[in-house]
Amino acid sequence: MKAHELRSMSLEELQEQVRDMRAEIFNLRFRKASRQLENPLKIRDSKKSLARALTLIRERELGLIANEEGS
């Protein structure tokens, strides 16, 4: 997921997205272990998206960026 897509989300949406990304990474790792994963680079892309989302959440907690919803 692109950073500009994540920046347009609220904090609650970001936290939900993080939960979904973690579940997706778990499933991808499980599929890789059972040799059913066609594109192993998808794991790397998912981890980078997760890191972007976690970074945005942390920036908002520290007040480094303004929330998009006006708070």
N, C-alpha and C. Protein backbone atom coordinates (compact mmCIF):
# COMPACT_ATOMS: atom_id res chain seq x y z
N MET A 1 0.85 -1.17 0.00
CA MET A 1 0.00 0.00 0.00
C MET A 1 0.90 1.24 0.00
N LYS A 2 0.51 2.22 -0.75
CA LYS A 2 1.30 3.44 -0.89
C LYS A 2 1.12 4.34 0.34
N ALA A 3 2.13 5.15 0.60
CA ALA A 3 2.11 6.03 1.77
C ALA A 3 0.97 7.05 1.69
N HIS A 4 0.70 7.58 0.49
CA HIS A 4 -0.37 8.58 0.39
C HIS A 4 -1.74 7.95 0.66
N GLU A 5 -1.90 6.66 0.38
CA GLU A 5 -3.15 5.97 0.71
C GLU A 5 -3.29 5.82 2.22
N LEU A 6 -2.18 5.51 2.87
CA LEU A 6 -2.21 5.34 4.32
C LEU A 6 -2.41 6.67 5.03
N ARG A 7 -1.83 7.75 4.52
CA ARG A 7 -1.97 9.06 5.16
C ARG A 7 -3.41 9.57 5.15
N SER A 8 -4.21 9.10 4.20
CA SER A 8 -5.59 9.55 4.13
C SER A 8 -6.51 8.81 5.11
N MET A 9 -5.97 7.80 5.80
CA MET A 9 -6.77 7.01 6.74
C MET A 9 -6.74 7.62 8.14
N SER A 10 -7.78 7.35 8.89
CA SER A 10 -7.81 7.78 10.28
C SER A 10 -6.96 6.82 11.12
N LEU A 11 -6.72 7.16 12.36
CA LEU A 11 -5.91 6.33 13.24
C LEU A 11 -6.54 4.95 13.43
N GLU A 12 -7.85 4.91 13.60
CA GLU A 12 -8.54 3.63 13.78
C GLU A 12 -8.41 2.76 12.53
N GLU A 13 -8.53 3.39 11.36
CA GLU A 13 -8.39 2.64 10.11
C GLU A 13 -6.97 2.12 9.95
N LEU A 14 -5.99 2.91 10.35
CA LEU A 14 -4.60 2.47 10.28
C LEU A 14 -4.36 1.27 11.19
N GLN A 15 -4.90 1.33 12.38
CA GLN A 15 -4.73 0.22 13.32
C GLN A 15 -5.39 -1.05 12.80
N GLU A 16 -6.54 -0.92 12.17
CA GLU A 16 -7.21 -2.07 11.57
C GLU A 16 -6.38 -2.60 10.40
N GLN A 17 -5.81 -1.71 9.63
CA GLN A 17 -4.97 -2.09 8.50
C GLN A 17 -3.74 -2.86 8.99
N VAL A 18 -3.15 -2.44 10.11
CA VAL A 18 -1.99 -3.12 10.68
C VAL A 18 -2.37 -4.54 11.08
N ARG A 19 -3.53 -4.71 11.70
CA ARG A 19 -3.97 -6.06 12.07
C ARG A 19 -4.12 -6.94 10.83
N ASP A 20 -4.71 -6.38 9.78
CA ASP A 20 -4.90 -7.13 8.54
C ASP A 20 -3.56 -7.49 7.90
N MET A 21 -2.62 -6.55 7.91
CA MET A 21 -1.31 -6.80 7.30
C MET A 21 -0.55 -7.88 8.06
N ARG A 22 -0.64 -7.85 9.39
CA ARG A 22 0.04 -8.89 10.18
C ARG A 22 -0.55 -10.26 9.90
N ALA A 23 -1.86 -10.33 9.76
CA ALA A 23 -2.50 -11.62 9.43
C ALA A 23 -2.08 -12.08 8.04
N GLU A 24 -2.00 -11.14 7.11
CA GLU A 24 -1.59 -11.48 5.75
C GLU A 24 -0.15 -12.01 5.72
N ILE A 25 0.75 -11.36 6.46
CA ILE A 25 2.14 -11.82 6.51
C ILE A 25 2.22 -13.21 7.11
N PHE A 26 1.45 -13.46 8.15
CA PHE A 26 1.43 -14.80 8.76
C PHE A 26 0.99 -15.84 7.73
N ASN A 27 -0.09 -15.54 7.01
CA ASN A 27 -0.59 -16.48 6.01
C ASN A 27 0.41 -16.70 4.89
N LEU A 28 1.09 -15.63 4.47
CA LEU A 28 2.09 -15.77 3.41
C LEU A 28 3.26 -16.63 3.88
N ARG A 29 3.70 -16.43 5.11
CA ARG A 29 4.79 -17.25 5.63
C ARG A 29 4.39 -18.71 5.75
N PHE A 30 3.15 -18.95 6.14
CA PHE A 30 2.65 -20.33 6.24
C PHE A 30 2.60 -20.97 4.86
N ARG A 31 2.12 -20.22 3.87
CA ARG A 31 2.05 -20.75 2.51
C ARG A 31 3.44 -20.98 1.93
N LYS A 32 4.41 -20.13 2.30
CA LYS A 32 5.77 -20.32 1.83
C LYS A 32 6.37 -21.60 2.42
N ALA A 33 6.11 -21.85 3.68
CA ALA A 33 6.63 -23.05 4.34
C ALA A 33 6.05 -24.32 3.72
N SER A 34 4.81 -24.24 3.26
CA SER A 34 4.18 -25.41 2.64
C SER A 34 4.36 -25.43 1.12
N ARG A 35 5.21 -24.52 0.62
CA ARG A 35 5.56 -24.43 -0.80
C ARG A 35 4.36 -24.19 -1.70
N GLN A 36 3.41 -23.38 -1.24
CA GLN A 36 2.24 -23.03 -2.03
C GLN A 36 2.25 -21.56 -2.44
N LEU A 37 3.31 -20.86 -2.12
CA LEU A 37 3.40 -19.43 -2.43
C LEU A 37 4.06 -19.26 -3.79
N GLU A 38 3.35 -18.64 -4.71
CA GLU A 38 3.86 -18.47 -6.06
C GLU A 38 4.89 -17.34 -6.14
N ASN A 39 4.66 -16.24 -5.42
CA ASN A 39 5.54 -15.08 -5.50
C ASN A 39 6.08 -14.75 -4.11
N PRO A 40 7.29 -15.22 -3.77
CA PRO A 40 7.83 -14.95 -2.44
C PRO A 40 8.13 -13.48 -2.17
N LEU A 41 8.23 -12.65 -3.22
CA LEU A 41 8.48 -11.23 -3.01
C LEU A 41 7.27 -10.53 -2.38
N LYS A 42 6.11 -11.17 -2.40
CA LYS A 42 4.93 -10.59 -1.79
C LYS A 42 5.12 -10.43 -0.29
N ILE A 43 5.90 -11.32 0.33
CA ILE A 43 6.18 -11.20 1.76
C ILE A 43 6.94 -9.90 2.03
N ARG A 44 7.95 -9.62 1.22
CA ARG A 44 8.74 -8.41 1.41
C ARG A 44 7.88 -7.16 1.23
N ASP A 45 7.04 -7.15 0.20
CA ASP A 45 6.18 -6.00 -0.03
C ASP A 45 5.20 -5.79 1.12
N SER A 46 4.68 -6.89 1.66
CA SER A 46 3.74 -6.79 2.78
C SER A 46 4.43 -6.25 4.03
N LYS A 47 5.66 -6.68 4.27
CA LYS A 47 6.40 -6.18 5.43
C LYS A 47 6.68 -4.69 5.31
N LYS A 48 7.00 -4.24 4.10
CA LYS A 48 7.26 -2.81 3.90
C LYS A 48 5.99 -1.99 4.11
N SER A 49 4.86 -2.49 3.64
CA SER A 49 3.59 -1.79 3.86
C SER A 49 3.26 -1.72 5.34
N LEU A 50 3.52 -2.81 6.06
CA LEU A 50 3.29 -2.82 7.50
C LEU A 50 4.17 -1.78 8.18
N ALA A 51 5.42 -1.70 7.79
CA ALA A 51 6.33 -0.71 8.38
C ALA A 51 5.87 0.71 8.10
N ARG A 52 5.36 0.97 6.91
CA ARG A 52 4.84 2.30 6.59
C ARG A 52 3.68 2.67 7.51
N ALA A 53 2.75 1.72 7.68
CA ALA A 53 1.59 1.98 8.52
C ALA A 53 2.00 2.21 9.97
N LEU A 54 2.92 1.39 10.48
CA LEU A 54 3.37 1.56 11.86
C LEU A 54 4.10 2.88 12.04
N THR A 55 4.84 3.30 11.04
CA THR A 55 5.55 4.59 11.10
C THR A 55 4.55 5.74 11.17
N LEU A 56 3.51 5.69 10.37
CA LEU A 56 2.50 6.75 10.39
C LEU A 56 1.78 6.81 11.73
N ILE A 57 1.48 5.64 12.29
CA ILE A 57 0.83 5.61 13.60
C ILE A 57 1.74 6.25 14.64
N ARG A 58 3.02 5.91 14.62
CA ARG A 58 3.97 6.46 15.58
C ARG A 58 4.14 7.96 15.40
N GLU A 59 4.19 8.42 14.15
CA GLU A 59 4.30 9.86 13.90
C GLU A 59 3.11 10.61 14.47
N ARG A 60 1.93 10.03 14.33
CA ARG A 60 0.74 10.68 14.87
C ARG A 60 0.75 10.68 16.39
N GLU A 61 1.25 9.59 17.00
CA GLU A 61 1.34 9.54 18.45
C GLU A 61 2.28 10.61 18.98
N LEU A 62 3.36 10.84 18.28
CA LEU A 62 4.34 11.82 18.71
C LEU A 62 3.96 13.24 18.32
N GLY A 63 2.95 13.38 17.49
CA GLY A 63 2.51 14.70 17.05
C GLY A 63 3.39 15.29 15.96
N LEU A 64 4.13 14.46 15.27
CA LEU A 64 5.02 14.95 14.22
C LEU A 64 4.25 15.34 12.96
N ILE A 65 3.12 14.68 12.73
CA ILE A 65 2.27 15.05 11.62
C ILE A 65 0.86 15.25 12.14
N ALA A 66 0.12 16.11 11.49
CA ALA A 66 -1.26 16.36 11.91
C ALA A 66 -2.14 15.25 11.40
N ASN A 67 -3.13 14.87 12.20
CA ASN A 67 -4.10 13.89 11.73
C ASN A 67 -4.91 14.48 10.60
N GLU A 68 -5.25 13.66 9.66
CA GLU A 68 -5.99 14.11 8.48
C GLU A 68 -7.43 14.50 8.83
N GLU A 69 -7.93 13.97 9.96
CA GLU A 69 -9.30 14.29 10.30
C GLU A 69 -9.45 15.56 11.11
N GLY A 70 -8.36 16.29 11.30
CA GLY A 70 -8.45 17.60 11.91
C GLY A 70 -8.08 17.68 13.36
N SER A 71 -7.55 16.63 13.98
CA SER A 71 -7.19 16.72 15.38
C SER A 71 -5.71 16.77 15.60
